[in-house]
Amino acid sequence: MTNRQIAAVVLIVIGTLFLLANLGVIPRIGPLLAQWWPAILILAGIAMFVRRK
């Protein structure tokens, strides 16, 4: 998969999760993201760093 395809899949998954949370199918994601967004950024940075080598 190319980077564009991966980015597209990530956006689709995130959008689906937020939609399901809004419909009440899964618990709200907002509070979880509000608490853990720094860790998510760190993990994304580590993944990008590891992939470059």
Protein backbone atom coordinates (compact mmCIF):
# COMPACT_ATOMS: atom_id res chain seq x y z
CA MET A 1 0.00 0.00 0.00
CA THR A 2 1.15 3.49 -0.72
CA ASN A 3 1.19 6.28 1.85
CA ARG A 4 -1.87 7.85 0.24
CA GLN A 5 -3.83 4.63 0.50
CA ILE A 6 -2.84 4.19 4.13
CA ALA A 7 -3.85 7.78 4.90
CA ALA A 8 -7.20 7.22 3.17
CA VAL A 9 -7.87 4.04 5.15
CA VAL A 10 -6.94 5.80 8.41
CA LEU A 11 -9.36 8.64 7.66
CA ILE A 12 -12.14 6.20 6.79
CA VAL A 13 -11.60 4.25 10.01
CA ILE A 14 -11.53 7.40 12.15
CA GLY A 15 -14.66 8.72 10.47
CA THR A 16 -16.42 5.41 10.98
CA LEU A 17 -15.51 5.36 14.67
CA PHE A 18 -16.83 8.88 15.21
CA LEU A 19 -20.03 8.05 13.33
CA LEU A 20 -20.61 4.92 15.39
CA ALA A 21 -19.99 6.92 18.58
CA ASN A 22 -22.50 9.57 17.49
CA LEU A 23 -25.08 6.86 16.77
CA GLY A 24 -24.53 5.34 20.22
CA VAL A 25 -23.23 2.03 18.88
CA ILE A 26 -19.91 2.42 20.69
CA PRO A 27 -18.96 4.61 23.67
CA ARG A 28 -17.96 8.22 23.06
CA ILE A 29 -14.45 8.65 21.65
CA GLY A 30 -14.00 12.35 22.46
CA PRO A 31 -13.07 11.97 26.15
CA LEU A 32 -10.69 9.16 25.30
CA LEU A 33 -8.95 11.21 22.61
CA ALA A 34 -8.83 14.27 24.85
CA GLN A 35 -6.83 12.31 27.38
CA TRP A 36 -4.62 10.22 25.10
CA TRP A 37 -3.88 12.48 22.09
CA PRO A 38 -0.26 13.16 23.16
CA ALA A 39 0.43 9.42 23.32
CA ILE A 40 -1.18 8.95 19.91
CA LEU A 41 1.10 11.64 18.45
CA ILE A 42 4.17 10.05 20.03
CA LEU A 43 3.27 6.62 18.65
CA ALA A 44 2.64 8.05 15.19
CA GLY A 45 6.03 9.78 15.30
CA ILE A 46 7.80 6.61 16.38
CA ALA A 47 6.09 4.66 13.60
CA MET A 48 7.19 7.24 11.03
CA PHE A 49 10.75 7.22 12.37
CA VAL A 50 11.00 3.43 12.30
CA ARG A 51 9.59 3.22 8.77
CA ARG A 52 12.19 5.68 7.43
CA LYS A 53 15.12 3.38 8.25
